[in-house]
């Protein structure tokens, strides 16, 4: 994927887990339909994107039933919303090894 940079993860490790890969990439504003298409092209189960329709950072995710879900932050606390998503989506994957 163009514009993706991989490096050693910054900072330390959480107890019992370690971050083994760290990526940075540009986030391009796009409508929901394009985000679904991008997620499918990447074969990912979730996709963080700048929703151009709502002017917010949203997480698109694949539900267990095969449909999609969309999570949007409340207007007052974007930072906590992002932290909760990264915790829910990434930590279980890190524990699998």
Protein backbone atom coordinates (compact mmCIF):
# COMPACT_ATOMS: atom_id res chain seq x y z
CA UNK A 1 0.00 0.00 0.00
CA UNK A 2 1.47 3.32 -1.04
CA UNK A 3 2.39 5.71 1.76
CA UNK A 4 2.58 3.05 4.49
CA UNK A 5 5.67 3.11 6.65
CA UNK A 6 6.64 0.29 9.00
CA UNK A 7 9.07 0.61 11.87
CA UNK A 8 9.77 -0.60 15.37
CA UNK A 9 6.92 0.34 17.72
CA UNK A 10 7.37 3.44 19.86
CA UNK A 11 7.37 3.31 23.64
CA UNK A 12 7.28 0.34 25.95
CA UNK A 13 5.15 -2.75 26.29
CA UNK A 14 1.97 -3.35 28.21
CA UNK A 15 2.11 -6.11 30.79
CA UNK A 16 1.91 -9.49 29.03
CA UNK A 17 1.71 -8.04 25.52
CA UNK A 18 4.04 -6.53 22.99
CA UNK A 19 3.52 -4.52 19.83
CA UNK A 20 5.43 -6.31 17.10
CA UNK A 21 4.65 -4.03 14.15
CA UNK A 22 3.92 -0.33 13.86
CA UNK A 23 2.50 1.30 10.73
CA UNK A 24 1.84 4.90 9.85
CA UNK A 25 -0.18 5.89 6.83
CA UNK A 26 -2.01 8.92 5.47
CA UNK A 27 -5.75 9.04 6.06
CA UNK A 28 -7.63 10.27 3.02
CA UNK A 29 -11.17 11.62 3.50
CA UNK A 30 -13.68 9.32 1.79
CA UNK A 31 -17.37 8.42 1.86
CA UNK A 32 -18.55 5.24 3.56
CA UNK A 33 -18.94 3.33 0.27
CA UNK A 34 -15.27 3.91 -0.62
CA UNK A 35 -14.18 2.87 2.89
CA UNK A 36 -16.03 -0.44 2.45
CA UNK A 37 -14.30 -0.94 -0.89
CA UNK A 38 -10.86 -0.14 0.59
CA UNK A 39 -11.41 -2.51 3.52
CA UNK A 40 -12.38 -5.30 1.12
CA UNK A 41 -9.31 -4.67 -1.06
CA UNK A 42 -7.06 -4.94 2.00
CA UNK A 43 -8.83 -8.06 3.37
CA UNK A 44 -9.10 -6.39 6.79
CA UNK A 45 -11.80 -6.85 9.42
CA UNK A 46 -11.76 -3.17 10.35
CA UNK A 47 -10.79 0.11 8.72
CA UNK A 48 -10.13 3.52 10.30
CA UNK A 49 -10.98 6.36 7.92
CA UNK A 50 -11.92 10.02 7.75
CA UNK A 51 -15.61 9.97 6.86
CA UNK A 52 -16.08 12.82 4.38
CA UNK A 53 -19.88 12.60 4.77
CA UNK A 54 -19.80 13.09 8.56
CA UNK A 55 -16.47 14.96 8.85
CA UNK A 56 -15.25 12.57 11.56
CA UNK A 57 -12.85 9.68 12.08
CA UNK A 58 -14.88 6.47 11.98
CA UNK A 59 -14.15 2.77 12.28
CA UNK A 60 -15.80 0.46 9.79
CA UNK A 61 -15.78 -3.17 10.90
CA UNK A 62 -17.00 -6.55 9.72
CA UNK A 63 -19.55 -8.11 12.05
CA UNK A 64 -19.63 -11.82 12.83
CA UNK A 65 -22.80 -12.17 10.75
CA UNK A 66 -20.92 -10.85 7.68
CA UNK A 67 -22.55 -7.42 7.66
CA UNK A 68 -20.74 -4.17 8.44
CA UNK A 69 -20.78 -1.96 11.50
CA UNK A 70 -19.75 1.67 11.77
CA UNK A 71 -18.53 3.28 14.97
CA UNK A 72 -18.32 7.06 15.22
CA UNK A 73 -16.98 9.13 18.10
CA UNK A 74 -19.20 11.42 20.07
CA UNK A 75 -18.40 15.04 19.35
CA UNK A 76 -17.00 15.71 22.81
CA UNK A 77 -14.35 13.02 23.18
CA UNK A 78 -12.66 11.74 20.01
CA UNK A 79 -9.45 10.73 21.80
CA UNK A 80 -11.11 8.32 24.26
CA UNK A 81 -13.16 6.81 21.45
CA UNK A 82 -10.02 6.03 19.41
CA UNK A 83 -8.26 4.53 22.42
CA UNK A 84 -11.21 2.27 23.18
CA UNK A 85 -11.31 0.99 19.59
CA UNK A 86 -7.62 0.24 19.48
CA UNK A 87 -7.93 -1.61 22.76
CA UNK A 88 -10.89 -3.68 21.58
CA UNK A 89 -9.49 -4.50 18.14
CA UNK A 90 -5.76 -4.81 18.59
CA UNK A 91 -5.06 -6.25 22.02
CA UNK A 92 -6.84 -9.59 21.42
CA UNK A 93 -4.80 -9.99 18.22
CA UNK A 94 -1.57 -9.28 20.07
CA UNK A 95 -2.36 -11.92 22.69
CA UNK A 96 -2.78 -14.60 20.01
CA UNK A 97 0.90 -14.17 19.07
